[in-house]
């Protein structure tokens, strides 16, 4: 609003007598309606429109040599495939390397004489994935004790989301089979390897959903 010179002089003359009743900027502190930069919010919203929320994961803190990591475990089943899911005290879920090895190669106990080779193979498997999410993850062997039955095992732990990404790796299928699976035209048979069955199931499902439904068996 514009004022004439005479109006401004009149306002300034009255300023002193009204000074005590004039609200200053500090009054904004008690303003019930917050002041927002709407242009800034519009800019941020436009940035996040195309983002996808990713479930957070936490790498386990290393334990001292000779110590044992205490975890709980539960078993879920996908098309007759038994999957053991371990849970740390921070509530994060993991899958042992033994489960991955069993599903991929039909062997439950990889030889621990070749620990370094197993770790390197795990790194290479992660490197093949079309994501940098797991790059730099520290694969390490450690002793694990399950509190339910005091069973102790030695293995590597994969975050559950990593295990699912490895099971969904498309690079291990030929183009014809992959095309059939992605189109929903693939017909599963009793002779299919567990890795194929799980790959197909994970196209529209997640193992974490089974944990949320109290180990519902499919």
C-alpha atoms as a PDB file:
ATOM      1  CA  UNK A   1       0.000   0.000   0.000  1.00  0.00           C
ATOM      2  CA  UNK A   2       1.372   3.500  -0.914  1.00  0.00           C
ATOM      3  CA  UNK A   3       1.097   6.515   1.393  1.00  0.00           C
ATOM      4  CA  UNK A   4       1.401  10.217   0.618  1.00  0.00           C
ATOM      5  CA  UNK A   5       4.054  12.270   2.397  1.00  0.00           C
ATOM      6  CA  UNK A   6       1.390  13.869   4.629  1.00  0.00           C
ATOM      7  CA  UNK A   7      -0.002  10.436   5.611  1.00  0.00           C
ATOM      8  CA  UNK A   8       3.462   9.115   6.493  1.00  0.00           C
ATOM      9  CA  UNK A   9       4.179  12.140   8.718  1.00  0.00           C
ATOM     10  CA  UNK A  10       0.866  11.613  10.503  1.00  0.00           C
ATOM     11  CA  UNK A  11       1.662   7.934  11.095  1.00  0.00           C
ATOM     12  CA  UNK A  12       5.136   8.743  12.437  1.00  0.00           C
ATOM     13  CA  UNK A  13       3.725  11.408  14.757  1.00  0.00           C
ATOM     14  CA  UNK A  14       1.314   8.886  16.266  1.00  0.00           C
ATOM     15  CA  UNK A  15       3.916   6.092  16.513  1.00  0.00           C
ATOM     16  CA  UNK A  16       5.181   7.063  19.987  1.00  0.00           C
ATOM     17  CA  UNK A  17       1.744   7.201  21.579  1.00  0.00           C
ATOM     18  CA  UNK A  18       0.747   3.825  20.092  1.00  0.00           C
ATOM     19  CA  UNK A  19       4.129   2.160  20.571  1.00  0.00           C
ATOM     20  CA  UNK A  20       3.098   0.177  23.664  1.00  0.00           C
ATOM     21  CA  UNK A  21       0.110  -1.371  21.875  1.00  0.00           C
ATOM     22  CA  UNK A  22       1.937  -2.241  18.646  1.00  0.00           C
ATOM     23  CA  UNK A  23       2.870  -5.882  18.093  1.00  0.00           C
ATOM     24  CA  UNK A  24       6.422  -6.553  17.003  1.00  0.00           C
ATOM     25  CA  UNK A  25       7.907  -9.468  15.079  1.00  0.00           C
ATOM     26  CA  UNK A  26       8.138 -11.438  18.302  1.00  0.00           C
ATOM     27  CA  UNK A  27       4.370 -11.813  18.171  1.00  0.00           C
ATOM     28  CA  UNK A  28       4.867 -14.355  15.398  1.00  0.00           C
ATOM     29  CA  UNK A  29       6.283 -16.775  17.977  1.00  0.00           C
ATOM     30  CA  UNK A  30       2.803 -17.229  19.446  1.00  0.00           C
ATOM     31  CA  UNK A  31       1.012 -17.195  16.087  1.00  0.00           C
ATOM     32  CA  UNK A  32      -1.218 -20.303  15.983  1.00  0.00           C
ATOM     33  CA  UNK A  33      -0.865 -20.459  12.190  1.00  0.00           C
ATOM     34  CA  UNK A  34       2.695 -21.413  11.193  1.00  0.00           C
ATOM     35  CA  UNK A  35       4.369 -19.476   8.422  1.00  0.00           C
ATOM     36  CA  UNK A  36       5.545 -21.714   5.579  1.00  0.00           C
ATOM     37  CA  UNK A  37       7.463 -21.132   2.390  1.00  0.00           C
ATOM     38  CA  UNK A  38       4.946 -22.598  -0.033  1.00  0.00           C
ATOM     39  CA  UNK A  39       7.287 -22.339  -3.009  1.00  0.00           C
ATOM     40  CA  UNK A  40       9.957 -24.328  -1.168  1.00  0.00           C
ATOM     41  CA  UNK A  41       7.460 -27.054  -0.272  1.00  0.00           C
ATOM     42  CA  UNK A  42       6.200 -27.234  -3.831  1.00  0.00           C
ATOM     43  CA  UNK A  43       9.761 -27.708  -5.055  1.00  0.00           C
ATOM     44  CA  UNK A  44      10.432 -30.524  -2.572  1.00  0.00           C
ATOM     45  CA  UNK A  45       7.185 -32.272  -3.405  1.00  0.00           C
ATOM     46  CA  UNK A  46       8.067 -32.266  -7.093  1.00  0.00           C
ATOM     47  CA  UNK A  47      11.426 -33.880  -6.260  1.00  0.00           C
ATOM     48  CA  UNK A  48       9.929 -36.695  -4.174  1.00  0.00           C
ATOM     49  CA  UNK A  49       7.108 -37.538  -6.588  1.00  0.00           C
ATOM     50  CA  UNK A  50       9.322 -39.967  -8.507  1.00  0.00           C
ATOM     51  CA  UNK A  51      11.126 -41.542  -5.554  1.00  0.00           C
ATOM     52  CA  UNK A  52      10.474 -45.015  -4.157  1.00  0.00           C
ATOM     53  CA  UNK A  53      10.576 -45.664  -0.432  1.00  0.00           C
ATOM     54  CA  UNK A  54      13.123 -48.354   0.407  1.00  0.00           C
ATOM     55  CA  UNK A  55      12.886 -50.446   3.536  1.00  0.00           C
ATOM     56  CA  UNK A  56      15.828 -49.454   5.769  1.00  0.00           C
ATOM     57  CA  UNK A  57      18.320 -52.095   6.922  1.00  0.00           C
ATOM     58  CA  UNK A  58      21.106 -52.116   9.434  1.00  0.00           C
ATOM     59  CA  UNK A  59      24.404 -53.918   9.077  1.00  0.00           C
ATOM     60  CA  UNK A  60      25.134 -55.887  12.232  1.00  0.00           C
ATOM     61  CA  UNK A  61      27.797 -54.552  14.537  1.00  0.00           C
ATOM     62  CA  UNK A  62      30.815 -56.918  14.526  1.00  0.00           C
ATOM     63  CA  UNK A  63      31.300 -59.101  17.574  1.00  0.00           C
ATOM     64  CA  UNK A  64      34.633 -59.823  19.219  1.00  0.00           C
ATOM     65  CA  UNK A  65      36.523 -62.959  18.243  1.00  0.00           C
ATOM     66  CA  UNK A  66      35.340 -65.924  20.292  1.00  0.00           C
ATOM     67  CA  UNK A  67      31.953 -64.353  21.110  1.00  0.00           C
ATOM     68  CA  UNK A  68      28.582 -65.643  19.914  1.00  0.00           C
ATOM     69  CA  UNK A  69      25.755 -63.593  18.388  1.00  0.00           C
ATOM     70  CA  UNK A  70      22.389 -64.357  20.018  1.00  0.00           C
ATOM     71  CA  UNK A  71      19.432 -64.374  17.619  1.00  0.00           C
ATOM     72  CA  UNK A  72      15.955 -65.828  17.264  1.00  0.00           C
ATOM     73  CA  UNK A  73      14.713 -67.657  14.200  1.00  0.00           C
ATOM     74  CA  UNK A  74      11.500 -68.705  12.539  1.00  0.00           C
ATOM     75  CA  UNK A  75      10.691 -70.776   9.469  1.00  0.00           C
ATOM     76  CA  UNK A  76       8.425 -69.780   6.596  1.00  0.00           C
ATOM     77  CA  UNK A  77       7.479 -71.859   3.570  1.00  0.00           C
ATOM     78  CA  UNK A  78       7.094 -70.839  -0.067  1.00  0.00           C
ATOM     79  CA  UNK A  79       5.957 -73.556  -2.470  1.00  0.00           C
ATOM     80  CA  UNK A  80       7.446 -76.222  -0.159  1.00  0.00           C
ATOM     81  CA  UNK A  81      10.730 -74.289   0.138  1.00  0.00           C
ATOM     82  CA  UNK A  82      11.774 -73.897   3.763  1.00  0.00           C
ATOM     83  CA  UNK A  83      13.304 -70.501   4.541  1.00  0.00           C
ATOM     84  CA  UNK A  84      14.894 -69.809   7.913  1.00  0.00           C
ATOM     85  CA  UNK A  85      14.709 -66.140   8.920  1.00  0.00           C
ATOM     86  CA  UNK A  86      16.932 -64.956  11.766  1.00  0.00           C
ATOM     87  CA  UNK A  87      16.076 -61.883  13.826  1.00  0.00           C
ATOM     88  CA  UNK A  88      18.572 -59.736  15.710  1.00  0.00           C
ATOM     89  CA  UNK A  89      17.764 -57.891  18.935  1.00  0.00           C
ATOM     90  CA  UNK A  90      17.314 -54.688  16.887  1.00  0.00           C
ATOM     91  CA  UNK A  91      14.342 -56.304  15.140  1.00  0.00           C
ATOM     92  CA  UNK A  92      16.095 -56.633  11.771  1.00  0.00           C
ATOM     93  CA  UNK A  93      15.731 -59.848   9.772  1.00  0.00           C
ATOM     94  CA  UNK A  94      18.538 -61.856   8.179  1.00  0.00           C
ATOM     95  CA  UNK A  95      18.994 -65.093   6.256  1.00  0.00           C
ATOM     96  CA  UNK A  96      21.982 -67.396   6.735  1.00  0.00           C
ATOM     97  CA  UNK A  97      24.281 -68.112   3.828  1.00  0.00           C
ATOM     98  CA  UNK A  98      23.418 -71.813   4.263  1.00  0.00           C
ATOM     99  CA  UNK A  99      19.823 -71.116   3.199  1.00  0.00           C
ATOM    100  CA  UNK A 100      21.002 -69.259   0.094  1.00  0.00           C
ATOM    101  CA  UNK A 101      23.456 -72.068  -0.761  1.00  0.00           C
ATOM    102  CA  UNK A 102      20.788 -74.746  -0.261  1.00  0.00           C
ATOM    103  CA  UNK A 103      18.243 -73.049  -2.517  1.00  0.00           C
ATOM    104  CA  UNK A 104      20.781 -72.185  -5.219  1.00  0.00           C
ATOM    105  CA  UNK A 105      22.857 -75.403  -5.229  1.00  0.00           C
ATOM    106  CA  UNK A 106      20.779 -77.963  -3.308  1.00  0.00           C
ATOM    107  CA  UNK A 107      23.528 -78.290  -0.680  1.00  0.00           C
ATOM    108  CA  UNK A 108      22.919 -77.332   2.946  1.00  0.00           C
ATOM    109  CA  UNK A 109      26.482 -77.065   4.208  1.00  0.00           C
ATOM    110  CA  UNK A 110      29.089 -75.348   2.042  1.00  0.00           C
ATOM    111  CA  UNK A 111      32.612 -76.382   2.975  1.00  0.00           C
ATOM    112  CA  UNK A 112      33.997 -73.947   5.544  1.00  0.00           C
ATOM    113  CA  UNK A 113      37.502 -74.789   4.337  1.00  0.00           C
ATOM    114  CA  UNK A 114      36.916 -72.253   1.601  1.00  0.00           C
ATOM    115  CA  UNK A 115      35.653 -69.317   3.670  1.00  0.00           C
ATOM    116  CA  UNK A 116      37.486 -66.746   1.564  1.00  0.00           C
ATOM    117  CA  UNK A 117      36.036 -68.171  -1.655  1.00  0.00           C
ATOM    118  CA  UNK A 118      32.524 -68.127  -0.172  1.00  0.00           C
ATOM    119  CA  UNK A 119      32.899 -64.488   0.861  1.00  0.00           C
ATOM    120  CA  UNK A 120      34.253 -63.519  -2.558  1.00  0.00           C
ATOM    121  CA  UNK A 121      31.399 -65.380  -4.283  1.00  0.00           C
ATOM    122  CA  UNK A 122      28.919 -63.473  -2.111  1.00  0.00           C
ATOM    123  CA  UNK A 123      30.493 -60.182  -3.191  1.00  0.00           C
ATOM    124  CA  UNK A 124      30.360 -61.197  -6.860  1.00  0.00           C
ATOM    125  CA  UNK A 125      26.690 -62.225  -6.506  1.00  0.00           C
ATOM    126  CA  UNK A 126      25.846 -58.810  -5.073  1.00  0.00           C
ATOM    127  CA  UNK A 127      27.870 -57.039  -7.768  1.00  0.00           C
ATOM    128  CA  UNK A 128      25.733 -58.684 -10.461  1.00  0.00           C
ATOM    129  CA  UNK A 129      22.574 -57.066  -9.082  1.00  0.00           C
ATOM    130  CA  UNK A 130      21.264 -53.951 -10.880  1.00  0.00           C
ATOM    131  CA  UNK A 131      21.607 -51.847  -7.698  1.00  0.00           C
ATOM    132  CA  UNK A 132      24.408 -50.302  -5.673  1.00  0.00           C
ATOM    133  CA  UNK A 133      22.437 -50.726  -2.463  1.00  0.00           C
ATOM    134  CA  UNK A 134      24.549 -53.621  -1.141  1.00  0.00           C
ATOM    135  CA  UNK A 135      27.917 -52.483  -2.448  1.00  0.00           C
ATOM    136  CA  UNK A 136      30.508 -52.635   0.339  1.00  0.00           C
ATOM    137  CA  UNK A 137      28.467 -54.872   2.642  1.00  0.00           C
ATOM    138  CA  UNK A 138      30.846 -56.696   5.004  1.00  0.00           C
ATOM    139  CA  UNK A 139      30.404 -60.441   4.613  1.00  0.00           C
ATOM    140  CA  UNK A 140      31.953 -62.266   7.567  1.00  0.00           C
ATOM    141  CA  UNK A 141      31.674 -65.652   9.226  1.00  0.00           C
ATOM    142  CA  UNK A 142      30.584 -65.653  12.853  1.00  0.00           C
ATOM    143  CA  UNK A 143      29.088 -67.943  15.451  1.00  0.00           C
ATOM    144  CA  UNK A 144      25.342 -67.619  15.971  1.00  0.00           C
ATOM    145  CA  UNK A 145      23.282 -69.080  18.803  1.00  0.00           C
ATOM    146  CA  UNK A 146      19.508 -69.340  18.543  1.00  0.00           C
ATOM    147  CA  UNK A 147      17.921 -68.540  21.887  1.00  0.00           C
ATOM    148  CA  UNK A 148      14.952 -70.876  21.381  1.00  0.00           C
ATOM    149  CA  UNK A 149      16.973 -74.085  21.403  1.00  0.00           C
ATOM    150  CA  UNK A 150      20.598 -73.044  22.103  1.00  0.00           C
ATOM    151  CA  UNK A 151      21.702 -74.378  18.699  1.00  0.00           C
ATOM    152  CA  UNK A 152      25.024 -72.846  17.598  1.00  0.00           C
ATOM    153  CA  UNK A 153      25.979 -72.463  13.945  1.00  0.00           C
ATOM    154  CA  UNK A 154      28.713 -70.745  11.983  1.00  0.00           C
ATOM    155  CA  UNK A 155      27.613 -68.796   8.943  1.00  0.00           C
ATOM    156  CA  UNK A 156      27.361 -65.467   7.100  1.00  0.00           C
ATOM    157  CA  UNK A 157      24.238 -63.368   7.555  1.00  0.00           C
ATOM    158  CA  UNK A 158      22.485 -61.717   4.592  1.00  0.00           C
ATOM    159  CA  UNK A 159      19.922 -58.955   5.285  1.00  0.00           C
ATOM    160  CA  UNK A 160      16.514 -60.331   4.317  1.00  0.00           C
ATOM    161  CA  UNK A 161      16.097 -57.674   1.601  1.00  0.00           C
ATOM    162  CA  UNK A 162      19.497 -58.644   0.147  1.00  0.00           C
ATOM    163  CA  UNK A 163      18.486 -62.314   0.106  1.00  0.00           C
ATOM    164  CA  UNK A 164      15.324 -61.412  -1.821  1.00  0.00           C
ATOM    165  CA  UNK A 165      17.330 -59.309  -4.292  1.00  0.00           C
ATOM    166  CA  UNK A 166      19.693 -62.243  -4.875  1.00  0.00           C
ATOM    167  CA  UNK A 167      16.769 -64.594  -5.412  1.00  0.00           C
ATOM    168  CA  UNK A 168      15.264 -62.130  -7.925  1.00  0.00           C
ATOM    169  CA  UNK A 169      18.484 -61.870  -9.937  1.00  0.00           C
ATOM    170  CA  UNK A 170      17.415 -62.121 -13.597  1.00  0.00           C
ATOM    171  CA  UNK A 171      20.907 -62.747 -14.953  1.00  0.00           C
ATOM    172  CA  UNK A 172      20.769 -66.479 -14.140  1.00  0.00           C
ATOM    173  CA  UNK A 173      17.861 -67.198 -16.529  1.00  0.00           C
ATOM    174  CA  UNK A 174      17.873 -67.547 -20.286  1.00  0.00           C
ATOM    175  CA  UNK A 175      15.787 -64.970 -22.125  1.00  0.00           C
ATOM    176  CA  UNK A 176      12.983 -67.373 -23.106  1.00  0.00           C
ATOM    177  CA  UNK A 177      12.333 -68.639 -19.560  1.00  0.00           C
ATOM    178  CA  UNK A 178      12.635 -65.106 -18.147  1.00  0.00           C
ATOM    179  CA  UNK A 179      10.121 -63.772 -20.659  1.00  0.00           C
ATOM    180  CA  UNK A 180       7.623 -66.504 -19.744  1.00  0.00           C
ATOM    181  CA  UNK A 181       8.034 -65.804 -16.029  1.00  0.00           C
ATOM    182  CA  UNK A 182       7.634 -62.033 -16.347  1.00  0.00           C
ATOM    183  CA  UNK A 183       4.538 -62.474 -18.524  1.00  0.00           C
ATOM    184  CA  UNK A 184       3.034 -64.899 -16.022  1.00  0.00           C
ATOM    185  CA  UNK A 185       3.043 -67.687 -18.594  1.00  0.00           C
ATOM    186  CA  UNK A 186       5.601 -69.913 -16.888  1.00  0.00           C
ATOM    187  CA  UNK A 187       4.230 -73.247 -15.670  1.00  0.00           C
ATOM    188  CA  UNK A 188       5.961 -74.511 -12.542  1.00  0.00           C
ATOM    189  CA  UNK A 189       6.692 -78.236 -12.239  1.00  0.00           C
ATOM    190  CA  UNK A 190       7.635 -80.521  -9.364  1.00  0.00           C
ATOM    191  CA  UNK A 191      11.104 -80.803 -10.872  1.00  0.00           C
ATOM    192  CA  UNK A 192      11.851 -77.084 -10.800  1.00  0.00           C
ATOM    193  CA  UNK A 193      14.754 -76.030  -8.600  1.00  0.00           C
ATOM    194  CA  UNK A 194      13.876 -74.094  -5.477  1.00  0.00           C
ATOM    195  CA  UNK A 195      15.619 -71.027  -6.873  1.00  0.00           C
ATOM    196  CA  UNK A 196      13.197 -70.920  -9.839  1.00  0.00           C
ATOM    197  CA  UNK A 197      10.116 -71.400  -7.653  1.00  0.00           C
ATOM    198  CA  UNK A 198      11.221 -68.660  -5.288  1.00  0.00           C
ATOM    199  CA  UNK A 199      12.089 -66.317  -8.160  1.00  0.00           C
ATOM    200  CA  UNK A 200       8.596 -66.726  -9.602  1.00  0.00           C
ATOM    201  CA  UNK A 201       6.923 -66.247  -6.212  1.00  0.00           C
ATOM    202  CA  UNK A 202       8.935 -63.095  -5.420  1.00  0.00           C
ATOM    203  CA  UNK A 203       7.696 -61.346  -8.560  1.00  0.00           C
ATOM    204  CA  UNK A 204       4.522 -60.435  -6.658  1.00  0.00           C
ATOM    205  CA  UNK A 205       5.244 -61.345  -3.028  1.00  0.00           C
ATOM    206  CA  UNK A 206       7.793 -60.784  -0.257  1.00  0.00           C
ATOM    207  CA  UNK A 207       9.115 -62.998   2.511  1.00  0.00           C
ATOM    208  CA  UNK A 208       8.647 -60.192   5.041  1.00  0.00           C
ATOM    209  CA  UNK A 209       4.890 -60.370   4.411  1.00  0.00           C
ATOM    210  CA  UNK A 210       4.922 -63.945   5.720  1.00  0.00           C
ATOM    211  CA  UNK A 211       6.565 -62.788   8.936  1.00  0.00           C
ATOM    212  CA  UNK A 212       3.855 -60.189   9.410  1.00  0.00           C
ATOM    213  CA  UNK A 213       1.120 -62.811   9.060  1.00  0.00           C
ATOM    214  CA  UNK A 214       2.465 -65.104  11.767  1.00  0.00           C
ATOM    215  CA  UNK A 215       4.270 -67.554   9.478  1.00  0.00           C
ATOM    216  CA  UNK A 216       1.361 -68.262   7.205  1.00  0.00           C
ATOM    217  CA  UNK A 217       2.234 -71.272   5.045  1.00  0.00           C
ATOM    218  CA  UNK A 218       1.540 -70.939   1.325  1.00  0.00           C
END
